[in-house]
């Protein structure tokens, strides 16, 4: 049966309807030994809230302005009944019950307010207060219009069917905060929230948006509503110990007072605070002594506006004009630090919780009496500050929203109304609360500064914007709220727009953009590695594997390079693989070219010698034409090595092996013609039979047939399974070995098998004929030449198979040149030595020798076979 003990303002007489108001004109911090729901005496409140008092005055000013207008409710006037919610849930609930019952008793019999019909309520200040009041007012669908309550749960029309607001929901503010954080590249943020519906739901929605944006929460702590030193220290320690330099602060300015003192006490600086709309423009927070700790804060504020006539109205307050109102007297006493004569109203100089957790209450009656001559113009406090009319302007728009809804209701034409049955209308003052709620959902009007206000079905604003403010030091030592941009929102449009010439103050040691990450972004060439049990923003940077790259910072996976590409040294970019082949301009290729050219010159030199001395016995010995063919063949084989050098292409791949095979076939078949002649000569020598000379045509026929077979095989090889250019990527992953794929290994073996067969026959016949008596020993020279040929190519096979890339080609070229040099040196070097340096030995007697017929023995040489017919010496030379 206790009294509610409410204070406020009322003007309900002679008005058509009354609009209720709830404002936090006082605030207090609840000590740890006191319940948040414990009844609070109005005479024992902690701090007079000049900001809340201005909001209340703005409502009265707006109602008076509407009553003077002829375009809104021309036949009706509005009254008001305003209570101080004291920024406590219990007072908000008591006020809601009084609005419904008309009695200051805790007997909720739901009777109407006295004096006039209650149309709706503007309030209650904070989200927690609005939620508490709306749960009571919503039972009767009594419209309630919020001016600063942004909690997202208030959009739920099942729980709060008659709640409306002209301030954006925290759903929008949380999205704006996430976009702001993304804009500056922060990924590791902390959150601090007040321990009430506003803070908890605000951080909950913020976390949901953070998760969808792949950002991370470093810590999440609450500021206790009932002061607790333990909980406060937990929040402080989380801030001090965390590497997060950016912290989202979701709380009202009144709840932040103890927290701010803790920040000052622990000297916590170098933090960037993301402020909610509830404290970004609060004069209670924006004090010069707090700037070292909270300077540089960035937050979202409802748009500011200039309200015509409000400044003058705020100055029109004096206890003598309202001597019975305790709030007016307390305002005057607190503002001027004096006691109004004959008044029992106390006032507080300050009220806060110190670092020890004990409550300091400086409540007293001043010894100095107020004279009434004090001048409001001499004051410098929040009440008279009209430079940042933001929430104050919201109060104005909330009153106008209800007034426009009442105006629409009053203009309804009978039988054209929205209510059934019969499309009837509602009338002032007999309408039901739910009928006014119908018009509130459709309210739409233009404000005095040209902005359009329209509510949607959830009772929230459809379109609007936030101002983005930055705390900067002003020239006069005060804190300036500098607008650096806007966040525009609508049904499908959400964007942050920064002013082009805006300068942001960063409260960091370097005065530069703060760096707030758990782990620095992984550089190109690395990928993110998950740390088990930690947020996704905490990771290890793992280098990409060979052949994989990450071109952009912060990649989750490395991308495999294409077939022709490989990762660079930093693994940050795919680069074309190095194409390896034996090039002319490198040392090895150039050396082999020089050797090939020298070999060709050597062959040409031998040919020149043979041409110049073509009629000498040594040149003519054992078929001069075959010697020239061998020289031509050696020239072909030496020069064919050039086809192996340089970038392979289709024609060089097809030409080089075929040219080499034909060159060796010509060379070896010509040598075979010589060795067969030597072999026959040796057989005649051994058997001591008369010489049956081998006709030169037969030797050339051997060459022709051998070349014909080899040419046929080469043509078939080129037609059926030709060689082609091949990119070998298996041998070395970092290189593309450009080589020739020989097409068919079987065909290649058959083609070179002919050469092997010819070489084997040459070796056998020359080896047998090596003991043929001769001053020149041609049989032995050919034997050594063939022996060197076999040694080189037998050694070539393991060397060829054990090397890769261009060195494999170099080994083959070396074998070609070595075997060609070997044959050239063994066959022609001795002859050239005799021709050029021992010309006296280049005679028929020395080269061939003669055998008299009376001699019983027949002595044959590689150069001649002597026989005597009719007492004459007949020389049968193995020449044509």
Foldseek 3Di string as FASTA:
>chain_A
DDFLQWADDWDQAPFQAEEEEAFAQFEAFAFQVDDLQPRDHPLDTFAGDLQRVLLRLLLVVLQVVQQPDCVFPNPGHYIYHYTHCNPGQNSLLQVLQCQQCLGRDPPSPRHHHPRYGYQAYEDHYEQQSCLSSQQSCQVQLRAYEYLPYQQPVLLPCVRRVRYFYADHHLLQQLLVVLVVCVVLPFQEEEEEAEPGRQRVRSVVSNVVNSVVVQGDYQYYAYQYSHHDLVRLVVVVVSLVPTLFQEYEYGYALSSCVQNLQVCVVVVDASHEYEYEQRPLPDPSQFFLVSCLHHALHKYWHADFDFDPPSLVSLQPAFCVVPVPRLSSQQVVCQQVVAHEPPDPRKYFVGWDAHSVSDTDTRIDHHPHYDPRPDGPVPTDDDNNDRPGCGSSVRSSVSSVLLSQLLRVLQPDDAQCADDDDSNGGAHTPRGRSVNSSVSSQAGWDADPVGDIFGHHNSNYTAWGKIFIWGWDQDPVSTTDTDGQWMFTDHPPDTDTDGDPPDDGARSHPVRDSDHGAQDPWAAKQWAWADDPPDRSRHTDTHGDDWQWIDQHTHHHDTHGDDQQWTADPSRNDTDGFAEFAAACPDPLNVVLVVLLVVQLVLLVVLVVLCVVCVPFLLCQAQANVLVVQLSVLLNQLSVLLNLRYHFDFQVSQLPNLLSNLLSLLSNLLSLLLRLVQLLLLVVCQVVVDDDDFDDPVVSVVSSVVSSVVLVVLSVCQCVPFAKGWDFDCPVDVRHTQTDIDRRDPVSSCVNCVSSVVSLVSSLVSLVNSQPADWLQSQSVLSNQLSVQLVVLVVVLVVVLVVDDGNVNSSSVSVSSSSSSVSNCCSRRVSVVCCVPPVVVCRHCCNGWNEDFQVDSHFHGHSFWGWHDDPRHIDIHGNGD
